[in-house]
N, C-alpha and C. Protein backbone atom coordinates (compact mmCIF):
# COMPACT_ATOMS: atom_id res chain seq x y z
N UNK A 1 20.61 2.70 -16.70
CA UNK A 1 21.38 2.63 -15.45
C UNK A 1 22.77 1.88 -15.70
N UNK A 2 22.87 0.78 -16.92
CA UNK A 2 23.95 -0.21 -17.18
C UNK A 2 25.00 0.84 -17.66
N UNK A 3 24.47 1.80 -18.59
CA UNK A 3 25.20 2.61 -19.25
C UNK A 3 26.26 3.37 -18.21
N UNK A 4 25.19 4.39 -17.68
CA UNK A 4 26.28 5.04 -16.38
C UNK A 4 26.97 4.54 -15.69
N UNK A 5 26.48 3.25 -15.08
CA UNK A 5 27.45 2.69 -14.23
C UNK A 5 28.88 2.31 -15.12
N UNK A 6 28.57 1.74 -15.95
CA UNK A 6 30.12 1.45 -16.73
C UNK A 6 30.77 2.54 -17.02
N UNK A 7 30.17 3.78 -17.26
CA UNK A 7 30.87 5.34 -17.31
C UNK A 7 31.71 5.65 -16.00
N UNK A 8 31.02 5.32 -15.14
CA UNK A 8 31.52 5.39 -13.61
C UNK A 8 32.97 4.68 -13.43
N UNK A 9 32.34 3.41 -13.87
CA UNK A 9 33.69 2.34 -13.64
C UNK A 9 35.06 3.05 -14.62
N UNK A 10 34.66 3.46 -15.94
CA UNK A 10 35.74 3.57 -16.98
C UNK A 10 36.32 5.25 -16.49
N UNK A 11 35.57 5.86 -15.90
CA UNK A 11 35.92 7.33 -15.23
C UNK A 11 35.65 7.51 -13.89
N UNK A 12 36.45 6.90 -13.00
CA UNK A 12 35.97 6.64 -11.68
C UNK A 12 36.25 8.42 -10.91
N UNK A 13 37.14 9.12 -11.57
CA UNK A 13 37.50 10.17 -11.02
C UNK A 13 36.57 11.41 -11.38
N UNK A 14 35.59 10.76 -12.04
CA UNK A 14 34.62 12.19 -12.67
C UNK A 14 33.61 12.38 -11.67
N UNK A 15 33.59 13.38 -11.08
CA UNK A 15 32.64 13.76 -9.86
C UNK A 15 31.26 13.79 -10.42
N UNK A 16 31.00 14.49 -11.72
CA UNK A 16 29.86 14.75 -12.14
C UNK A 16 29.03 13.29 -12.83
N UNK A 17 30.02 12.48 -13.22
CA UNK A 17 29.37 11.18 -13.57
C UNK A 17 28.84 10.22 -12.28
N UNK A 18 29.84 10.38 -11.50
CA UNK A 18 29.28 9.70 -9.93
C UNK A 18 28.12 10.23 -9.20
N UNK A 19 28.13 11.70 -9.47
CA UNK A 19 26.88 12.30 -8.69
C UNK A 19 25.26 11.68 -9.50
N UNK A 20 25.68 11.80 -11.04
CA UNK A 20 24.33 11.25 -11.74
C UNK A 20 24.06 10.22 -11.30
N UNK A 21 24.98 9.37 -11.10
CA UNK A 21 24.76 7.95 -10.96
C UNK A 21 24.08 7.38 -9.59
N UNK A 22 24.42 8.43 -8.73
CA UNK A 22 23.97 8.31 -7.26
C UNK A 22 22.34 8.88 -7.07
N UNK A 23 22.16 9.67 -7.98
CA UNK A 23 20.96 10.10 -8.28
C UNK A 23 20.05 8.97 -8.99
N UNK A 24 20.51 8.31 -9.61
CA UNK A 24 19.67 7.20 -10.43
C UNK A 24 19.47 6.22 -9.30
N UNK A 25 20.58 5.95 -8.72
CA UNK A 25 20.43 4.92 -7.79
C UNK A 25 19.43 5.34 -6.52
N UNK A 26 19.37 6.51 -6.25
CA UNK A 26 18.38 7.33 -5.55
C UNK A 26 16.97 6.70 -5.95
N UNK A 27 16.70 7.04 -7.24
CA UNK A 27 15.33 6.90 -8.04
C UNK A 27 15.15 5.35 -7.76
N UNK A 28 16.01 4.67 -7.87
CA UNK A 28 15.64 3.27 -7.92
C UNK A 28 15.77 2.45 -6.82
N UNK A 29 16.03 3.49 -5.63
CA UNK A 29 15.99 2.87 -4.29
C UNK A 29 16.97 2.16 -3.67
N UNK A 30 18.08 1.98 -4.40
CA UNK A 30 19.42 1.08 -4.15
C UNK A 30 20.27 2.12 -3.44
N UNK A 31 19.98 2.15 -2.14
CA UNK A 31 20.61 3.16 -1.07
C UNK A 31 21.79 2.54 -0.72
N UNK A 32 22.03 1.35 -0.82
CA UNK A 32 23.38 0.53 -0.13
C UNK A 32 24.42 1.09 -1.26
N UNK A 33 24.05 0.94 -2.66
CA UNK A 33 25.09 1.30 -3.59
C UNK A 33 25.18 2.73 -3.54
N UNK A 34 24.21 3.50 -3.53
CA UNK A 34 24.25 4.78 -3.47
C UNK A 34 25.36 5.26 -2.33
N UNK A 35 25.15 4.70 -0.96
CA UNK A 35 25.98 5.20 0.08
C UNK A 35 27.72 5.00 -0.50
N UNK A 36 27.85 3.66 -0.86
CA UNK A 36 29.27 3.26 -1.57
C UNK A 36 29.75 4.51 -2.49
N UNK A 37 29.06 4.90 -3.28
CA UNK A 37 29.29 6.02 -4.39
C UNK A 37 29.66 7.17 -3.66
N UNK A 38 28.58 7.47 -2.62
CA UNK A 38 28.87 8.84 -2.08
C UNK A 38 29.97 8.91 -1.07
N UNK A 39 30.51 7.44 -0.78
CA UNK A 39 31.47 7.51 0.21
C UNK A 39 32.80 7.88 -0.59
N UNK A 40 32.65 7.67 -1.96
CA UNK A 40 33.84 8.07 -2.90
C UNK A 40 33.79 9.65 -3.05
N UNK A 41 32.88 10.28 -2.95
CA UNK A 41 32.67 11.56 -3.07
C UNK A 41 33.29 12.70 -1.95
N UNK A 42 32.90 11.63 -0.80
CA UNK A 42 33.67 12.32 0.60
C UNK A 42 35.07 12.09 0.61
N UNK A 43 35.74 11.09 0.29
CA UNK A 43 37.09 10.84 0.41
C UNK A 43 37.89 12.09 -0.40
N UNK A 44 37.28 12.55 -1.46
CA UNK A 44 37.61 14.12 -2.11
C UNK A 44 37.12 15.27 -1.55
N UNK A 45 36.02 15.22 -0.41
CA UNK A 45 35.70 16.57 0.07
C UNK A 45 35.09 15.86 1.38
N UNK A 46 35.92 15.57 2.18
CA UNK A 46 35.32 15.17 3.57
C UNK A 46 34.53 16.18 4.19
N UNK A 47 34.66 17.54 4.14
CA UNK A 47 34.20 18.25 4.90
C UNK A 47 32.61 19.15 4.35
N UNK A 48 32.42 18.12 3.24
CA UNK A 48 31.24 18.47 2.55
C UNK A 48 29.68 18.44 3.31
N UNK A 49 29.12 19.19 3.80
CA UNK A 49 28.11 18.86 4.70
C UNK A 49 26.92 18.17 3.98
N UNK A 50 26.79 18.58 2.85
CA UNK A 50 25.68 18.06 2.10
C UNK A 50 25.85 16.51 1.68
N UNK A 51 27.10 16.00 1.54
CA UNK A 51 27.34 14.57 1.46
C UNK A 51 27.08 13.82 2.40
N UNK A 52 27.52 14.37 3.86
CA UNK A 52 27.38 13.88 5.01
C UNK A 52 25.85 13.60 5.23
N UNK A 53 24.81 14.70 5.16
CA UNK A 53 23.29 14.71 5.07
C UNK A 53 22.71 13.68 4.36
N UNK A 54 23.34 13.45 2.88
CA UNK A 54 22.84 12.64 2.32
C UNK A 54 23.23 11.00 2.68
N UNK A 55 24.27 10.88 3.22
CA UNK A 55 24.47 9.67 3.77
C UNK A 55 23.91 9.42 5.02
N UNK A 56 23.65 10.29 5.82
CA UNK A 56 22.50 10.16 6.91
C UNK A 56 20.91 9.43 6.31
N UNK A 57 20.48 10.47 5.56
CA UNK A 57 19.32 9.79 4.63
C UNK A 57 19.33 8.53 4.37
N UNK A 58 20.35 8.11 3.70
CA UNK A 58 20.38 6.65 3.03
C UNK A 58 20.41 5.87 4.15
N UNK A 59 21.22 6.09 5.07
CA UNK A 59 21.02 5.23 6.17
C UNK A 59 20.11 5.12 6.96
N UNK A 60 19.17 6.22 6.99
CA UNK A 60 18.03 6.20 7.73
C UNK A 60 16.98 5.15 6.89
N UNK A 61 17.03 5.32 5.36
CA UNK A 61 16.19 4.72 4.74
C UNK A 61 16.48 3.21 4.92
N UNK A 62 17.42 2.93 5.10
CA UNK A 62 17.97 1.65 5.43
C UNK A 62 18.14 1.02 6.63
N UNK A 63 17.23 1.63 7.77
CA UNK A 63 16.81 1.62 8.96
C UNK A 63 17.97 1.13 9.81
N UNK A 64 19.00 1.96 9.50
CA UNK A 64 20.53 2.00 10.24
C UNK A 64 20.50 3.33 11.16
N UNK A 65 19.50 3.36 12.13
CA UNK A 65 19.40 4.61 12.88
C UNK A 65 20.81 5.45 13.51
N UNK A 66 21.57 4.51 13.84
CA UNK A 66 22.68 4.62 14.54
C UNK A 66 23.54 5.32 13.67
N UNK A 67 23.68 4.96 12.57
CA UNK A 67 24.76 5.50 11.36
C UNK A 67 24.08 6.71 10.95
N UNK A 68 23.00 6.84 10.83
CA UNK A 68 22.21 8.30 10.25
C UNK A 68 22.35 9.11 11.20
N UNK A 69 22.30 9.03 12.53
CA UNK A 69 22.78 9.76 13.84
C UNK A 69 23.77 10.34 13.56
N UNK A 70 24.94 9.24 13.38
CA UNK A 70 26.45 9.92 13.17
C UNK A 70 26.49 10.85 11.97
N UNK A 71 26.08 10.31 11.07
CA UNK A 71 26.19 11.35 9.67
C UNK A 71 25.76 12.26 9.69
N UNK A 72 24.48 12.73 10.55
CA UNK A 72 23.70 14.02 10.71
C UNK A 72 24.50 14.82 11.31
N UNK A 73 24.94 14.17 12.28
CA UNK A 73 26.27 15.00 13.40
C UNK A 73 27.43 15.55 12.57
N UNK A 74 27.89 14.78 11.67
CA UNK A 74 29.15 15.30 10.70
C UNK A 74 28.70 16.23 10.03
N UNK A 75 27.45 15.88 9.40
CA UNK A 75 27.24 17.12 8.50
C UNK A 75 26.70 18.51 9.26
N UNK A 76 26.41 18.53 10.30
CA UNK A 76 26.17 19.57 11.30
C UNK A 76 27.47 20.46 11.89
N UNK A 77 28.23 19.09 12.05
CA UNK A 77 29.52 19.87 12.47
C UNK A 77 30.14 20.44 11.33
N UNK A 78 30.17 20.09 10.18
CA UNK A 78 30.93 20.96 9.10
C UNK A 78 29.96 22.06 8.56
N UNK A 79 28.67 22.20 8.73
CA UNK A 79 27.53 23.05 8.53
C UNK A 79 26.37 22.87 8.79
N UNK A 80 25.77 23.64 9.77
CA UNK A 80 24.52 23.30 10.53
C UNK A 80 23.64 24.03 9.64
N UNK A 81 22.74 23.01 9.13
CA UNK A 81 21.51 23.51 8.04
C UNK A 81 20.30 23.06 8.64
N UNK A 82 19.07 23.84 8.63
CA UNK A 82 17.79 23.33 9.27
C UNK A 82 17.38 21.69 8.86
N UNK A 83 17.66 21.46 7.81
CA UNK A 83 17.45 20.26 7.45
C UNK A 83 18.07 19.15 7.97
N UNK A 84 19.21 19.44 8.17
CA UNK A 84 20.25 18.27 9.04
C UNK A 84 19.74 18.40 10.44
N UNK A 85 19.42 19.63 11.00
CA UNK A 85 19.17 19.58 12.44
C UNK A 85 17.88 19.01 12.80
N UNK A 86 16.88 19.19 11.84
CA UNK A 86 15.54 18.54 12.05
C UNK A 86 15.90 17.21 12.16
N UNK A 87 16.24 16.77 11.14
CA UNK A 87 16.38 15.10 10.75
C UNK A 87 17.13 14.62 11.86
N UNK A 88 18.28 14.91 12.59
CA UNK A 88 19.14 14.70 13.81
C UNK A 88 17.90 14.64 14.95
N UNK A 89 17.24 15.77 15.10
CA UNK A 89 16.30 16.00 16.40
C UNK A 89 15.11 14.91 16.23
N UNK A 90 14.75 14.84 15.14
CA UNK A 90 13.47 13.62 14.95
C UNK A 90 13.91 12.41 15.28
N UNK A 91 15.08 11.90 14.84
CA UNK A 91 15.64 10.62 15.26
C UNK A 91 15.89 10.37 16.81
N UNK A 92 16.37 11.39 17.43
CA UNK A 92 16.72 11.34 18.77
C UNK A 92 15.10 11.50 19.37
N UNK A 93 14.17 12.07 19.01
CA UNK A 93 13.11 11.81 19.87
C UNK A 93 12.30 10.68 19.54
N UNK A 94 12.67 10.09 18.39
CA UNK A 94 12.32 8.71 18.28
C UNK A 94 12.83 7.60 19.28
N UNK A 95 14.02 8.02 19.43
CA UNK A 95 14.88 7.18 20.54
C UNK A 95 14.55 7.73 21.90
N UNK A 96 13.81 8.53 22.12
CA UNK A 96 13.27 9.11 23.46
C UNK A 96 14.38 9.64 24.25
N UNK A 97 15.28 10.33 23.29
CA UNK A 97 16.58 11.16 23.93
C UNK A 97 16.15 12.57 24.11
N UNK A 98 16.27 12.86 25.38
CA UNK A 98 15.94 14.46 25.53
C UNK A 98 17.03 15.46 24.94
N UNK A 99 17.99 14.94 24.44
CA UNK A 99 18.43 15.74 23.51
C UNK A 99 17.92 16.35 22.43
N UNK A 100 16.98 15.79 22.10
CA UNK A 100 15.77 16.06 20.99
C UNK A 100 15.63 17.41 21.35
N UNK A 101 14.82 17.87 22.49
CA UNK A 101 14.38 19.16 22.93
C UNK A 101 15.48 20.12 23.12
N UNK A 102 16.64 19.75 23.33
CA UNK A 102 17.74 20.85 23.45
C UNK A 102 17.94 21.34 21.95
N UNK A 103 18.06 20.39 20.80
CA UNK A 103 18.50 20.54 19.51
C UNK A 103 17.25 21.25 18.87
N UNK A 104 16.21 21.03 19.29
CA UNK A 104 15.16 22.05 18.54
C UNK A 104 15.20 23.49 19.13
N UNK A 105 15.56 23.67 20.52
CA UNK A 105 15.59 24.97 21.18
C UNK A 105 17.15 25.59 20.35
N UNK A 106 17.84 24.73 20.38
CA UNK A 106 18.98 25.43 19.36
C UNK A 106 18.65 25.73 17.93
N UNK A 107 17.84 25.03 17.42
CA UNK A 107 17.61 25.08 15.90
C UNK A 107 16.60 26.55 15.67
N UNK A 108 15.66 26.77 16.67
CA UNK A 108 14.88 27.74 16.66
C UNK A 108 15.75 29.13 17.10
N UNK A 109 16.75 29.24 17.71
CA UNK A 109 17.76 30.03 18.03
C UNK A 109 18.55 30.25 16.62
N UNK A 110 19.09 29.34 15.98
CA UNK A 110 19.70 29.53 14.76
C UNK A 110 18.97 30.12 13.78
N UNK A 111 17.92 29.31 13.72
CA UNK A 111 16.85 29.55 12.13
C UNK A 111 15.39 29.81 12.93
N UNK A 112 15.24 31.39 13.50
CA UNK A 112 13.67 31.71 13.92
C UNK A 112 13.17 31.77 12.92
N UNK A 113 12.87 31.47 11.55
CA UNK A 113 11.98 31.80 10.68
C UNK A 113 10.77 30.78 10.94
N UNK A 114 9.33 31.44 10.63
CA UNK A 114 8.20 30.92 11.23
C UNK A 114 8.05 29.52 10.47
N UNK A 115 8.79 29.40 9.18
CA UNK A 115 8.14 27.99 8.47
C UNK A 115 8.82 26.86 9.25
N UNK A 116 9.55 26.88 10.15
CA UNK A 116 10.41 25.83 10.94
C UNK A 116 9.85 25.34 12.24
N UNK A 117 8.78 26.38 12.55
CA UNK A 117 7.90 26.19 13.82
C UNK A 117 7.23 24.93 14.20
N UNK A 118 6.54 24.57 12.92
CA UNK A 118 5.43 23.39 12.71
C UNK A 118 6.57 22.13 13.15
N UNK A 119 7.41 22.18 12.40
CA UNK A 119 8.47 21.08 12.33
C UNK A 119 9.01 20.75 13.71
N UNK A 120 9.25 21.75 14.45
CA UNK A 120 9.93 21.86 15.53
C UNK A 120 8.90 21.26 16.83
N UNK A 121 7.54 21.80 16.87
CA UNK A 121 6.59 21.57 17.54
C UNK A 121 6.25 19.88 17.53
N UNK A 122 6.75 19.51 16.27
CA UNK A 122 6.04 18.10 15.78
C UNK A 122 7.29 17.19 16.61
N UNK A 123 8.51 17.71 16.33
CA UNK A 123 9.39 16.93 16.77
C UNK A 123 9.32 16.75 18.38
N UNK A 124 9.16 17.97 18.85
CA UNK A 124 8.98 17.90 20.54
C UNK A 124 7.61 16.93 20.86
N UNK A 125 6.55 16.94 20.08
CA UNK A 125 5.50 16.19 20.28
C UNK A 125 6.02 14.67 20.26
N UNK A 126 6.73 14.42 19.26
CA UNK A 126 7.08 12.85 19.28
C UNK A 126 7.90 12.68 20.17
N UNK A 127 8.85 13.35 20.57
CA UNK A 127 9.46 13.03 22.12
C UNK A 127 8.62 12.98 23.28
N UNK A 128 7.51 13.46 23.61
CA UNK A 128 6.82 13.26 24.47
C UNK A 128 5.96 12.01 24.29
N UNK A 129 5.72 12.05 23.12
CA UNK A 129 4.72 10.71 22.52
C UNK A 129 5.32 9.17 23.08
N UNK A 130 6.59 9.46 22.73
CA UNK A 130 7.23 8.17 22.79
C UNK A 130 7.96 7.89 24.42
N UNK A 131 8.11 8.94 24.92
CA UNK A 131 8.06 8.87 26.55
C UNK A 131 6.70 8.95 27.19
N UNK A 132 5.60 8.80 26.53
CA UNK A 132 4.52 8.38 27.05
C UNK A 132 3.88 9.39 27.83
N UNK A 133 4.37 10.68 27.79
CA UNK A 133 3.86 11.99 28.58
C UNK A 133 2.72 12.62 27.27
N UNK A 134 1.47 11.99 27.45
CA UNK A 134 0.33 12.30 26.26
C UNK A 134 0.05 13.49 26.27
N UNK A 135 0.12 14.14 27.63
CA UNK A 135 -0.71 15.63 27.68
C UNK A 135 0.16 16.67 26.94
N UNK A 136 1.45 16.41 27.30
CA UNK A 136 2.23 17.53 26.66
C UNK A 136 2.73 17.22 24.71
N UNK A 137 2.67 15.75 24.74
CA UNK A 137 2.64 15.41 23.30
C UNK A 137 1.80 15.84 22.62
N UNK A 138 0.25 15.80 23.20
CA UNK A 138 -1.00 16.62 22.28
C UNK A 138 -0.72 17.78 22.03
N UNK A 139 -0.10 18.60 23.03
CA UNK A 139 -0.15 20.04 23.25
C UNK A 139 0.78 20.49 22.10
N UNK A 140 1.68 19.99 21.94
CA UNK A 140 2.65 20.22 20.88
C UNK A 140 2.21 19.97 19.60
N UNK A 141 1.43 18.87 19.44
CA UNK A 141 0.78 18.50 18.21
C UNK A 141 -0.13 19.39 17.45
N UNK A 142 -0.77 20.04 18.72
CA UNK A 142 -1.89 20.97 18.41
C UNK A 142 -1.02 22.48 18.25
N UNK A 143 0.13 22.58 18.70
CA UNK A 143 0.58 23.70 17.93
C UNK A 143 1.42 23.59 16.92
N UNK A 144 1.78 22.49 16.48
CA UNK A 144 2.27 21.96 15.05
C UNK A 144 1.11 22.21 13.92
N UNK A 145 -0.11 21.59 14.68
CA UNK A 145 -1.09 22.03 13.48
C UNK A 145 -1.52 23.55 13.18
N UNK A 146 -1.68 24.30 14.45
CA UNK A 146 -1.86 25.57 14.52
C UNK A 146 -1.01 26.48 13.50
N UNK A 147 0.46 25.85 13.28
CA UNK A 147 1.16 26.55 12.40
C UNK A 147 1.28 26.10 11.12
N UNK A 148 0.50 25.00 11.02
CA UNK A 148 0.50 24.46 9.50
C UNK A 148 -0.59 23.43 9.79
N UNK A 149 -1.84 23.99 9.22
CA UNK A 149 -3.03 22.97 9.33
C UNK A 149 -2.66 21.72 8.60
N UNK A 150 -2.09 21.55 7.72
CA UNK A 150 -2.16 20.24 6.57
C UNK A 150 -0.98 19.63 6.84
N UNK A 151 -0.59 19.37 8.31
CA UNK A 151 0.64 18.72 8.84
C UNK A 151 -0.06 17.19 9.08
N UNK A 152 -0.08 16.15 8.09
CA UNK A 152 -0.76 15.35 8.11
C UNK A 152 -0.33 14.26 9.55
N UNK A 153 1.12 14.32 9.40
CA UNK A 153 1.75 13.37 10.49
C UNK A 153 1.28 13.75 11.90
N UNK A 154 1.24 15.14 12.23
CA UNK A 154 0.78 15.52 13.57
C UNK A 154 -0.72 14.91 13.95
N UNK A 155 -1.51 15.18 12.92
CA UNK A 155 -2.86 14.61 13.23
C UNK A 155 -2.67 13.06 13.43
N UNK A 156 -1.80 12.12 12.70
CA UNK A 156 -1.61 10.77 13.14
C UNK A 156 -1.09 10.64 14.34
N UNK A 157 -0.19 11.39 14.66
CA UNK A 157 0.18 11.41 16.13
C UNK A 157 -0.52 11.27 16.97
N UNK A 158 -1.38 12.08 16.98
CA UNK A 158 -2.49 12.49 18.18
C UNK A 158 -3.75 11.30 17.98
N UNK A 159 -3.70 11.03 16.79
CA UNK A 159 -4.58 9.77 16.62
C UNK A 159 -3.98 8.26 17.57
N UNK A 160 -2.49 8.17 17.18
CA UNK A 160 -1.97 7.06 18.07
C UNK A 160 -2.31 7.15 19.47
N UNK A 161 -2.13 8.48 19.98
CA UNK A 161 -2.25 8.53 21.08
C UNK A 161 -3.48 8.17 21.81
N UNK A 162 -4.68 8.68 20.97
CA UNK A 162 -6.15 8.34 21.46
C UNK A 162 -6.30 6.85 21.25
N UNK A 163 -5.58 6.37 20.34
CA UNK A 163 -5.81 4.93 20.09
C UNK A 163 -5.07 3.88 21.29
N UNK A 164 -4.22 4.46 21.61
CA UNK A 164 -3.20 3.87 22.57
C UNK A 164 -4.24 4.03 24.05
N UNK A 165 -5.22 5.21 23.86
CA UNK A 165 -5.69 5.50 25.16
C UNK A 165 -7.09 4.60 25.25
N UNK A 166 -7.40 3.97 24.17
CA UNK A 166 -8.74 3.13 23.70
C UNK A 166 -9.70 4.25 23.71
N UNK A 167 -9.60 5.36 22.96
CA UNK A 167 -10.28 6.54 22.92
C UNK A 167 -10.42 6.18 21.12
N UNK A 168 -11.16 5.26 20.74
CA UNK A 168 -11.44 4.82 19.50
C UNK A 168 -11.83 5.69 18.49
N UNK A 169 -13.29 6.29 18.84
CA UNK A 169 -13.88 7.28 18.15
C UNK A 169 -13.02 8.49 17.64
N UNK A 170 -12.17 8.92 18.96
CA UNK A 170 -11.77 10.10 18.76
C UNK A 170 -10.53 9.63 17.74
N UNK A 171 -9.99 8.79 17.78
CA UNK A 171 -8.77 8.32 17.11
C UNK A 171 -9.31 8.31 15.77
N UNK A 172 -10.21 7.81 15.37
CA UNK A 172 -10.84 7.55 14.09
C UNK A 172 -11.25 8.79 13.40
N UNK A 173 -11.81 9.88 14.10
CA UNK A 173 -11.88 10.99 13.62
C UNK A 173 -10.81 12.09 13.11
N UNK A 174 -9.53 11.51 13.99
CA UNK A 174 -8.51 12.25 13.47
C UNK A 174 -7.76 11.71 12.48
N UNK A 175 -7.76 10.47 12.38
CA UNK A 175 -7.30 9.76 10.76
C UNK A 175 -8.13 10.14 9.85
N UNK A 176 -9.47 10.22 10.13
CA UNK A 176 -10.34 10.57 8.97
C UNK A 176 -10.00 12.30 8.38
N UNK A 177 -9.62 12.83 9.32
CA UNK A 177 -8.94 14.06 8.97
C UNK A 177 -8.15 14.30 7.80
N UNK A 178 -7.11 13.21 8.14
CA UNK A 178 -5.98 13.35 7.11
C UNK A 178 -6.26 12.91 5.65
N UNK A 179 -7.19 11.98 5.83
CA UNK A 179 -7.79 11.77 4.22
C UNK A 179 -8.66 12.65 3.68
N UNK A 180 -9.36 13.49 4.51
CA UNK A 180 -10.05 14.66 4.03
C UNK A 180 -9.12 15.82 3.49
N UNK A 181 -7.91 16.03 4.28
CA UNK A 181 -6.83 16.86 3.68
C UNK A 181 -6.13 16.24 2.74
N UNK A 182 -5.96 14.96 2.49
CA UNK A 182 -5.34 14.55 1.18
C UNK A 182 -6.14 12.96 1.22
N UNK A 183 -7.14 13.21 0.01
CA UNK A 183 -8.00 11.79 -0.30
C UNK A 183 -7.12 10.55 -0.65
N UNK A 184 -5.56 10.67 -0.98
CA UNK A 184 -4.99 9.68 -1.58
C UNK A 184 -4.07 9.09 -0.45
N UNK A 185 -4.37 9.50 1.12
CA UNK A 185 -3.51 9.35 2.05
C UNK A 185 -3.60 8.00 2.72
N UNK A 186 -2.94 6.83 2.40
CA UNK A 186 -3.17 5.64 2.37
C UNK A 186 -3.08 5.28 4.03
N UNK A 187 -2.14 5.85 4.59
CA UNK A 187 -2.19 5.52 6.26
C UNK A 187 -3.17 5.93 7.19
N UNK A 188 -3.63 7.03 6.55
CA UNK A 188 -5.00 7.67 7.19
C UNK A 188 -5.98 6.36 7.10
N UNK A 189 -6.49 5.92 5.81
CA UNK A 189 -7.36 4.67 5.78
C UNK A 189 -6.81 3.85 6.52
N UNK A 190 -5.68 3.44 6.45
CA UNK A 190 -5.28 2.05 7.09
C UNK A 190 -5.67 2.22 8.64
N UNK A 191 -5.08 3.55 9.10
CA UNK A 191 -5.50 3.37 10.70
C UNK A 191 -7.14 3.58 10.99
N UNK A 192 -7.86 4.20 9.96
CA UNK A 192 -9.29 3.93 9.86
C UNK A 192 -9.77 2.66 10.28
N UNK A 193 -9.14 1.88 9.41
CA UNK A 193 -9.75 0.46 9.22
C UNK A 193 -9.16 -0.19 10.60
N UNK A 194 -7.86 -0.03 11.16
CA UNK A 194 -7.64 -0.32 12.68
C UNK A 194 -8.64 -0.23 13.66
N UNK A 195 -9.29 1.20 13.58
CA UNK A 195 -10.36 1.68 14.42
C UNK A 195 -11.44 0.89 14.15
N UNK A 196 -11.96 0.63 13.18
CA UNK A 196 -13.14 -0.14 12.79
C UNK A 196 -13.05 -1.47 13.36
N UNK A 197 -11.90 -1.98 13.20
CA UNK A 197 -11.63 -3.64 13.48
C UNK A 197 -11.52 -3.68 14.92
N UNK A 198 -10.91 -2.49 15.69
CA UNK A 198 -10.83 -2.56 17.17
C UNK A 198 -12.12 -2.37 17.63
N UNK A 199 -13.31 -1.74 17.14
CA UNK A 199 -14.66 -1.59 17.49
C UNK A 199 -15.51 -2.72 16.85
N UNK A 200 -14.96 -3.60 16.45
CA UNK A 200 -15.84 -4.90 15.96
C UNK A 200 -16.52 -4.75 14.97
N UNK A 201 -16.35 -3.91 14.05
CA UNK A 201 -17.07 -3.48 12.79
C UNK A 201 -16.27 -3.87 11.45
N UNK A 202 -16.09 -5.21 11.34
CA UNK A 202 -15.65 -5.87 10.31
C UNK A 202 -15.81 -5.36 8.80
N UNK A 203 -16.97 -4.98 8.48
CA UNK A 203 -17.33 -4.54 7.34
C UNK A 203 -16.70 -3.53 6.85
N UNK A 204 -16.76 -2.36 7.75
CA UNK A 204 -16.25 -1.16 7.63
C UNK A 204 -14.80 -1.39 7.42
N UNK A 205 -14.31 -1.94 8.16
CA UNK A 205 -12.47 -2.25 8.53
C UNK A 205 -12.35 -2.65 7.04
N UNK A 206 -12.66 -3.66 6.56
CA UNK A 206 -12.39 -4.20 5.21
C UNK A 206 -12.32 -3.09 4.25
N UNK A 207 -13.24 -2.37 4.20
CA UNK A 207 -13.53 -1.30 3.15
C UNK A 207 -12.40 -0.19 3.29
N UNK A 208 -11.91 -0.12 4.47
CA UNK A 208 -11.08 1.12 4.76
C UNK A 208 -9.67 0.28 4.36
N UNK A 209 -9.50 -0.74 4.87
CA UNK A 209 -8.42 -1.51 4.32
C UNK A 209 -8.05 -1.17 2.97
N UNK A 210 -9.15 -1.74 2.13
CA UNK A 210 -9.05 -1.96 0.74
C UNK A 210 -8.66 -0.54 0.24
N UNK A 211 -9.31 0.58 0.82
CA UNK A 211 -9.03 1.74 0.14
C UNK A 211 -7.71 2.09 0.43
N UNK A 212 -7.05 1.74 1.68
CA UNK A 212 -5.65 1.89 1.92
C UNK A 212 -4.83 1.34 0.76
N UNK A 213 -5.28 0.09 0.35
CA UNK A 213 -4.35 -0.56 -0.36
C UNK A 213 -4.46 -0.11 -1.78
N UNK A 214 -5.63 0.67 -2.16
CA UNK A 214 -5.87 1.60 -3.51
C UNK A 214 -4.72 2.39 -3.66
N UNK A 215 -4.31 2.98 -2.64
CA UNK A 215 -3.34 3.92 -2.51
C UNK A 215 -1.98 3.64 -2.40
N UNK A 216 -1.86 2.71 -2.05
CA UNK A 216 -0.56 2.06 -1.37
C UNK A 216 -0.60 0.16 -1.32
N UNK A 217 -0.20 -0.12 -2.42
CA UNK A 217 -0.47 -1.73 -2.56
C UNK A 217 0.73 -2.41 -1.66
N UNK A 218 1.36 -1.82 -1.08
CA UNK A 218 2.74 -2.73 -0.41
C UNK A 218 2.45 -2.70 1.14
N UNK A 219 1.30 -2.15 1.64
CA UNK A 219 0.90 -2.22 3.24
C UNK A 219 0.72 -4.12 3.52
N UNK A 220 1.39 -4.62 3.79
CA UNK A 220 1.12 -6.17 3.83
C UNK A 220 0.31 -6.32 5.17
N UNK A 221 0.44 -5.62 6.11
CA UNK A 221 -0.66 -5.39 7.22
C UNK A 221 -2.15 -5.50 6.76
N UNK A 222 -2.10 -4.71 5.87
CA UNK A 222 -3.73 -4.41 5.26
C UNK A 222 -4.05 -5.50 4.71
N UNK A 223 -3.23 -6.30 3.96
CA UNK A 223 -3.58 -7.32 3.20
C UNK A 223 -3.82 -8.75 4.17
N UNK A 224 -3.12 -8.74 5.25
CA UNK A 224 -3.23 -9.75 6.15
C UNK A 224 -4.53 -9.53 6.77
N UNK A 225 -4.88 -8.44 7.46
CA UNK A 225 -6.16 -7.91 8.14
C UNK A 225 -7.37 -8.40 7.17
N UNK A 226 -7.46 -8.03 5.94
CA UNK A 226 -8.37 -8.43 5.11
C UNK A 226 -8.57 -9.82 5.12
N UNK A 227 -7.80 -10.69 5.07
CA UNK A 227 -7.83 -12.18 5.03
C UNK A 227 -8.51 -12.69 6.28
N UNK A 228 -8.11 -12.08 7.43
CA UNK A 228 -8.48 -12.44 8.84
C UNK A 228 -10.07 -12.25 8.70
N UNK A 229 -10.29 -11.01 8.58
CA UNK A 229 -11.73 -10.56 8.50
C UNK A 229 -12.75 -10.97 7.46
N UNK A 230 -12.36 -11.50 6.52
CA UNK A 230 -13.27 -12.23 5.47
C UNK A 230 -13.62 -13.44 5.88
């Protein structure tokens, strides 16, 4: 990385070197630095939709939702792609903005391909879940799963709804389904543990928290919960 950084400093006008360095920073998780270099490319090509989209992604990774929405809009204004439209719609849904539904409708018109249907149903489900319209949310998540059976996030969202409604056993089964579809899915095990903890079953809860940490050792909440339960 040091050699490539030095090369970019020596040859700042080299787009190829800058691109290589951005990809390396991306792999290393240094998104703030990647955005700075991406900005350099945008100065030379301000209408490049892919560069605006990438800036939106990095901003989202840095939890700057407002910036990410702005950059996704710039990307779409330059050239609308399914990826940018879905990314923007998803953020709007998380923010409880009804614009997410309109954007999903427009996306389905622009890109009627079947492979996008699951994503569009999922985003609609997120909007309804965040606005606490759980009946509509569950319906959209069911449609999402019907179009793509292994859509793990849809099962998780349905599980969150059941958990919020204190239907702990139903929530557990939904979270368990994700781990059957993907035995290395840490989030599924974590929420299975949460269900067991809520149901006052500490031994089972600890076992699932430990399993979650087996696949993702960065889950601080799981480590904290184990300390509390043991």
